[in-house]
Protein backbone atom coordinates (compact mmCIF):
# COMPACT_ATOMS: atom_id res chain seq x y z
CA MET A 1 78.18 55.97 -43.11
CA THR A 2 74.70 56.04 -41.54
CA HIS A 3 71.84 54.76 -43.66
CA GLU A 4 68.92 56.56 -42.01
CA ARG A 5 70.00 59.51 -44.13
CA LYS A 6 70.10 59.57 -47.94
CA THR A 7 73.62 60.16 -49.18
CA ALA A 8 74.68 60.95 -52.74
CA VAL A 9 77.91 61.64 -54.56
CA ILE A 10 77.34 64.10 -57.40
CA ALA A 11 79.93 64.53 -60.15
CA VAL A 12 79.57 68.04 -61.59
CA GLY A 13 80.63 68.19 -65.24
CA GLY A 14 82.99 70.78 -66.72
CA ASN A 15 80.07 72.47 -68.50
CA SER A 16 78.86 73.60 -65.08
CA LEU A 17 81.82 76.00 -64.84
CA ILE A 18 82.61 76.90 -68.44
CA LEU A 19 79.57 77.16 -70.67
CA SER A 20 81.37 78.02 -73.92
CA LYS A 21 84.64 79.23 -75.46
CA ARG A 22 83.25 82.78 -75.21
CA HIS A 23 82.64 82.48 -71.46
CA GLU A 24 85.91 81.19 -70.03
CA ASP A 25 86.85 84.17 -67.84
CA VAL A 26 86.49 84.04 -64.06
CA PRO A 27 83.33 86.23 -63.83
CA SER A 28 81.65 83.87 -66.33
CA GLN A 29 82.76 80.88 -64.26
CA TRP A 30 81.21 82.50 -61.18
CA ASN A 31 77.93 83.00 -63.05
CA ALA A 32 77.93 79.36 -64.14
CA VAL A 33 78.70 77.95 -60.70
CA ARG A 34 76.04 80.15 -59.06
CA GLU A 35 73.48 78.69 -61.46
CA THR A 36 74.66 75.11 -60.87
CA VAL A 37 74.51 75.32 -57.06
CA LYS A 38 70.82 76.25 -57.21
CA HIS A 39 70.09 72.75 -58.49
CA ILE A 40 72.39 71.21 -55.86
CA ALA A 41 70.61 73.21 -53.13
CA ASP A 42 67.26 71.90 -54.43
CA MET A 43 68.54 68.38 -53.78
CA ILE A 44 69.78 69.26 -50.28
CA GLU A 45 66.37 70.80 -49.47
CA ARG A 46 64.94 67.36 -50.18
CA GLY A 47 67.05 65.86 -47.40
CA TRP A 48 70.09 64.54 -49.27
CA ASP A 49 73.58 64.60 -47.77
CA LEU A 50 75.96 65.40 -50.61
CA ILE A 51 79.58 64.96 -51.60
CA ILE A 52 80.32 67.06 -54.69
CA THR A 53 83.13 66.32 -57.14
CA HIS A 54 84.02 68.45 -60.17
CA GLY A 55 86.14 68.67 -63.29
CA ASN A 56 89.15 70.98 -63.69
CA GLY A 57 90.43 70.31 -67.23
CA PRO A 58 90.03 73.81 -68.70
CA GLN A 59 91.44 75.48 -65.58
CA VAL A 60 94.52 73.21 -65.65
CA GLY A 61 95.00 74.16 -69.31
CA PHE A 62 94.82 77.88 -68.47
CA ILE A 63 97.53 77.55 -65.80
CA LEU A 64 99.76 75.53 -68.12
CA ARG A 65 99.43 78.31 -70.70
CA ARG A 66 100.28 80.94 -68.08
CA ASN A 67 103.37 78.89 -67.21
CA GLU A 68 104.48 78.97 -70.85
CA LEU A 69 103.92 82.71 -71.25
CA SER A 70 105.67 83.67 -68.01
CA GLU A 71 108.53 81.15 -67.79
CA HIS A 72 111.11 83.88 -68.49
CA GLU A 73 109.85 85.79 -65.41
CA VAL A 74 108.74 83.27 -62.76
CA HIS A 75 109.13 79.58 -61.99
CA SER A 76 106.73 77.10 -63.59
CA THR A 77 104.19 75.12 -61.57
CA PRO A 78 104.35 71.30 -61.68
CA LEU A 79 101.18 69.47 -62.67
CA ASP A 80 100.40 68.03 -59.23
CA VAL A 81 100.54 71.54 -57.72
CA ILE A 82 98.32 72.82 -60.56
CA GLY A 83 95.84 70.11 -59.56
CA ALA A 84 95.91 71.34 -55.97
CA ASP A 85 95.58 74.99 -57.11
CA THR A 86 92.50 74.25 -59.21
CA GLN A 87 90.90 72.04 -56.54
CA GLY A 88 91.29 74.89 -54.07
CA ALA A 89 89.99 77.58 -56.43
CA ILE A 90 86.98 75.62 -57.69
CA GLY A 91 86.23 74.29 -54.19
CA TYR A 92 86.21 77.89 -52.96
CA MET A 93 83.84 78.97 -55.74
CA ILE A 94 81.39 76.10 -55.17
CA SER A 95 81.45 76.45 -51.37
CA GLN A 96 80.94 80.22 -51.43
CA ALA A 97 78.18 80.09 -54.05
CA LEU A 98 76.43 77.21 -52.28
CA GLY A 99 76.76 78.94 -48.90
CA ASN A 100 75.17 82.10 -50.32
CA GLU A 101 72.35 80.01 -51.81
CA PHE A 102 71.82 78.33 -48.42
CA LYS A 103 71.60 81.77 -46.78
CA ARG A 104 68.92 82.85 -49.26
CA ARG A 105 66.90 79.70 -48.51
CA GLY A 106 67.46 79.58 -44.75
CA ILE A 107 69.33 76.25 -44.93
CA GLN A 108 71.63 75.61 -41.96
CA LYS A 109 74.31 73.23 -43.24
CA PRO A 110 78.11 73.57 -43.09
CA ILE A 111 80.27 73.17 -46.22
CA ALA A 112 83.90 72.04 -46.52
CA ALA A 113 86.19 71.73 -49.54
CA VAL A 114 88.89 69.06 -49.16
CA VAL A 115 92.03 69.17 -51.33
CA THR A 116 92.24 65.48 -52.19
CA GLN A 117 95.13 63.20 -53.15
CA VAL A 118 94.42 59.93 -54.98
CA LEU A 119 96.93 57.08 -54.99
CA VAL A 120 97.85 55.48 -58.33
CA ASP A 121 100.25 52.64 -59.14
CA ARG A 122 103.67 53.94 -60.21
CA ASP A 123 103.75 50.95 -62.62
CA ASP A 124 100.30 51.64 -64.10
CA PRO A 125 100.46 50.85 -67.88
CA GLY A 126 99.17 54.37 -68.59
CA PHE A 127 102.61 55.77 -67.74
CA GLN A 128 104.17 53.74 -70.58
CA ASN A 129 101.49 54.77 -73.07
CA PRO A 130 100.10 58.21 -72.17
CA THR A 131 97.03 59.19 -74.21
CA LYS A 132 95.19 61.92 -72.28
CA GLY A 133 95.50 65.30 -74.02
CA ILE A 134 96.34 68.26 -71.81
CA GLY A 135 96.71 71.98 -72.46
CA GLY A 136 96.12 73.63 -75.83
CA PHE A 137 97.21 72.72 -79.35
CA THR A 138 100.50 74.07 -80.63
CA THR A 139 103.00 74.00 -83.49
CA GLU A 140 105.52 71.28 -84.22
CA ASP A 141 108.39 73.59 -83.17
CA ALA A 142 106.76 74.38 -79.83
CA ALA A 143 105.99 70.68 -79.37
CA ARG A 144 109.69 69.91 -79.81
CA VAL A 145 110.45 72.25 -76.90
CA PHE A 146 107.88 70.43 -74.75
CA ALA A 147 109.46 67.09 -75.67
CA GLU A 148 112.89 68.37 -74.59
CA ASP A 149 111.29 69.22 -71.22
CA GLY A 150 110.17 65.60 -70.75
CA TRP A 151 106.61 65.82 -72.10
CA ARG A 152 105.25 63.34 -74.62
CA VAL A 153 103.67 65.16 -77.59
CA ILE A 154 101.56 63.85 -80.45
CA GLU A 155 99.99 65.26 -83.59
CA ASP A 156 96.25 65.32 -82.94
CA ALA A 157 94.04 64.57 -85.98
CA GLY A 158 95.17 67.59 -87.97
CA ARG A 159 94.37 70.07 -85.18
CA GLY A 160 97.99 70.57 -84.19
CA TRP A 161 100.44 69.14 -81.69
CA ARG A 162 99.46 68.48 -78.10
CA ARG A 163 100.97 67.13 -74.89
CA VAL A 164 99.62 63.81 -73.66
CA ILE A 165 99.98 62.32 -70.21
CA ALA A 166 99.02 59.18 -68.33
CA SER A 167 95.52 58.66 -66.96
CA PRO A 168 96.19 55.90 -64.39
CA ILE A 169 93.53 53.94 -62.50
CA PRO A 170 92.71 55.44 -59.05
CA LEU A 171 93.45 52.98 -56.24
CA ARG A 172 92.87 54.83 -52.95
CA ILE A 173 91.53 58.21 -51.86
CA VAL A 174 94.06 59.44 -49.32
CA GLU A 175 91.68 61.79 -47.49
CA LEU A 176 88.78 59.29 -47.44
CA ASP A 177 88.48 59.21 -43.63
CA ALA A 178 88.36 63.01 -43.44
CA ILE A 179 85.64 63.10 -46.12
CA ARG A 180 83.62 60.36 -44.38
CA ASN A 181 83.87 62.07 -40.98
CA LEU A 182 82.76 65.41 -42.43
CA VAL A 183 79.75 63.83 -44.16
CA ASP A 184 78.79 61.99 -40.97
CA ALA A 185 79.02 65.32 -39.11
CA GLY A 186 76.48 66.85 -41.52
CA PHE A 187 78.81 68.76 -43.87
CA VAL A 188 78.32 69.15 -47.60
CA VAL A 189 81.77 68.11 -48.83
CA ILE A 190 83.51 69.14 -52.06
CA ALA A 191 86.29 66.64 -52.79
CA VAL A 192 88.26 64.64 -55.39
CA GLY A 193 88.24 67.66 -57.73
CA GLY A 194 89.48 66.87 -61.22
CA GLY A 195 89.81 63.21 -60.25
CA GLY A 196 92.13 64.06 -57.37
CA ILE A 197 95.84 64.92 -57.30
CA PRO A 198 97.62 61.78 -58.56
CA VAL A 199 100.23 60.57 -56.07
CA ILE A 200 102.49 57.52 -55.98
CA GLU A 201 104.10 55.70 -53.06
CA ASP A 202 107.83 55.18 -52.61
CA ALA A 203 109.36 52.06 -51.02
CA ASP A 204 108.83 53.53 -47.53
CA GLY A 205 105.17 54.36 -48.16
CA ASN A 206 105.79 58.09 -48.55
CA LEU A 207 103.60 59.89 -51.09
CA GLU A 208 104.77 62.14 -53.91
CA GLY A 209 102.94 63.82 -56.76
CA THR A 210 103.26 62.45 -60.28
CA ARG A 211 102.70 63.93 -63.74
CA ALA A 212 99.30 62.44 -64.64
CA VAL A 213 95.58 63.12 -64.56
CA ILE A 214 92.91 60.79 -63.17
CA ASP A 215 89.55 60.46 -64.90
CA LYS A 216 87.06 62.44 -62.78
CA ASP A 217 84.19 59.98 -63.19
CA ARG A 218 86.42 57.01 -62.36
CA ALA A 219 87.70 58.67 -59.17
CA THR A 220 84.18 59.78 -58.21
CA SER A 221 83.00 56.19 -58.69
CA LEU A 222 85.74 54.99 -56.31
CA LEU A 223 84.60 57.58 -53.75
CA ALA A 224 80.97 56.47 -54.12
CA GLN A 225 82.02 52.83 -53.69
CA GLU A 226 84.08 53.54 -50.57
CA LEU A 227 81.33 55.62 -48.94
CA LYS A 228 78.58 53.13 -49.98
CA VAL A 229 76.31 56.00 -51.00
CA ASP A 230 72.65 55.51 -51.86
CA LEU A 231 73.03 57.42 -55.14
CA PHE A 232 75.86 58.13 -57.58
CA LEU A 233 74.68 61.08 -59.68
CA ILE A 234 76.60 62.18 -62.77
CA SER A 235 75.65 65.69 -63.85
CA THR A 236 76.50 66.17 -67.52
CA ALA A 237 75.47 68.10 -70.66
CA VAL A 238 72.37 66.02 -71.55
CA SER A 239 69.20 65.28 -69.59
CA GLN A 240 69.24 61.57 -70.47
CA VAL A 241 71.47 58.86 -71.92
CA ALA A 242 70.65 57.75 -75.47
CA VAL A 243 71.44 54.78 -77.66
CA ASN A 244 72.08 55.41 -81.38
CA PHE A 245 72.99 58.96 -80.31
CA ASN A 246 72.54 61.61 -83.07
CA LYS A 247 71.18 59.00 -85.50
CA PRO A 248 67.64 58.82 -86.97
CA ASN A 249 66.83 55.91 -84.64
CA GLN A 250 68.14 57.66 -81.50
CA LYS A 251 66.32 56.49 -78.36
CA TRP A 252 66.40 58.17 -74.96
CA LEU A 253 66.62 55.82 -71.98
CA ASP A 254 64.65 56.33 -68.76
CA ARG A 255 66.21 53.32 -67.07
CA MET A 256 68.82 50.63 -67.64
CA THR A 257 69.93 47.67 -65.61
CA ALA A 258 73.69 47.30 -65.21
CA GLU A 259 73.47 44.28 -67.50
CA GLU A 260 71.71 46.31 -70.22
CA ALA A 261 74.21 49.15 -69.86
CA ARG A 262 77.08 46.66 -70.27
CA ALA A 263 75.48 45.25 -73.42
CA TYR A 264 74.94 48.71 -74.94
CA GLN A 265 78.55 49.57 -74.08
CA ALA A 266 79.78 46.43 -75.85
CA GLU A 267 77.72 47.38 -78.91
CA GLY A 268 79.56 50.73 -79.07
CA HIS A 269 76.67 53.03 -78.14
CA PHE A 270 78.67 55.13 -75.65
CA ALA A 271 81.60 57.03 -77.13
CA ALA A 272 84.97 56.93 -75.37
CA GLY A 273 85.20 60.74 -75.40
CA SER A 274 81.76 61.42 -73.92
CA MET A 275 79.30 58.99 -72.33
CA GLY A 276 81.61 55.92 -72.29
CA PRO A 277 83.66 56.81 -69.17
CA LYS A 278 80.47 57.78 -67.30
CA ILE A 279 78.83 54.41 -67.98
CA GLU A 280 82.06 52.62 -66.99
CA ALA A 281 82.15 54.62 -63.73
CA VAL A 282 78.52 53.75 -62.97
CA LEU A 283 79.08 50.04 -63.67
CA ALA A 284 82.16 49.98 -61.40
CA PHE A 285 80.06 51.54 -58.62
CA LEU A 286 77.18 49.06 -59.03
CA ASP A 287 79.58 46.09 -59.25
CA ALA A 288 81.16 47.12 -55.93
CA TYR A 289 77.93 48.20 -54.23
CA PRO A 290 74.89 46.48 -55.82
CA GLN A 291 72.50 48.11 -53.32
CA GLY A 292 73.24 51.55 -54.79
CA LYS A 293 71.59 53.37 -57.68
CA ALA A 294 73.02 55.70 -60.32
CA LEU A 295 71.47 58.61 -62.19
CA ILE A 296 72.74 60.56 -65.21
CA THR A 297 71.15 63.91 -66.09
CA ASP A 298 71.96 67.62 -66.53
CA PRO A 299 71.99 70.17 -63.68
CA PRO A 300 68.66 71.93 -64.44
CA ASN A 301 66.88 68.56 -64.45
CA ILE A 302 68.27 67.08 -61.22
CA VAL A 303 65.06 67.46 -59.19
CA ARG A 304 62.83 66.35 -62.09
CA ALA A 305 65.10 63.32 -62.54
CA LEU A 306 64.88 62.46 -58.83
CA ASP A 307 61.09 62.50 -59.31
CA GLY A 308 61.41 60.14 -62.29
CA ALA A 309 60.34 62.73 -64.90
CA THR A 310 63.63 62.62 -66.83
CA GLY A 311 67.22 61.42 -66.44
CA THR A 312 68.54 57.89 -66.88
CA TRP A 313 68.44 55.61 -63.83
CA ILE A 314 70.81 52.66 -63.68
CA ASP A 315 70.70 49.87 -61.07
CA THR A 316 71.40 46.17 -60.77
CA GLY A 317 67.74 45.33 -61.36
CA GLU A 318 67.52 43.42 -58.10
């Protein structure tokens, strides 16, 4: 990776594709992604080379539901193939929308979407104790059918029954060299969608898909570490990180050192279901590559955050 150029990995949150329960259809997703890529194009106009990652949770849930409704007519799709399907579809949407935005602005820059596999340990403890909810909520009777098909199901806080699967730690990005070569050749690359397709190795080193999902921010952090990027940017639903979130003494943070972020995390300021995994991903990146910087903000504020007007910057303080 050359360092004359500024390189960033940007993790695009799920809210950038699906804005609300009332706007889940494909035309609404197109509208959302067209809006999001404007802010990404702003960053590219400022000279950044970008690798874009994205979530796919809602889209995976939609395909699982289609499987259930159509199983008497057509074969079902296994989860690893659903991961590949959604990576391809969302990669297509981002690359087309971004390409059209480039055309409007006169930007000459090629774009490539890479369907990405991510290696996990077949003995990862997550497989023994799956906790990541997937698909919609259902009845106890329907849950029993899922269980007979090999899924683990749990009753979820009074909301109904839901399938849960492993969320193992990502170890290696299989297509890393392809991604690196494309970035070095000047491409905007879309990769590691939804955390990547989880694959395991057999005794001969052959890969095969496994029923799991990888945390998107964790996998994006691994990508940022491997590429030694200048900036790891997490695009999320809020413009800044806060401590004492939603409390009378809430405080927005312009900057944190990694040490301060770790202390806030230990004090319980970052919830496991929202900001917690993002802070963990940032800390893993900075631990592996202390020269890097991280930024958390929302899509409309990316350029303002790069200028220091908003967003939360995190670095090692060195």
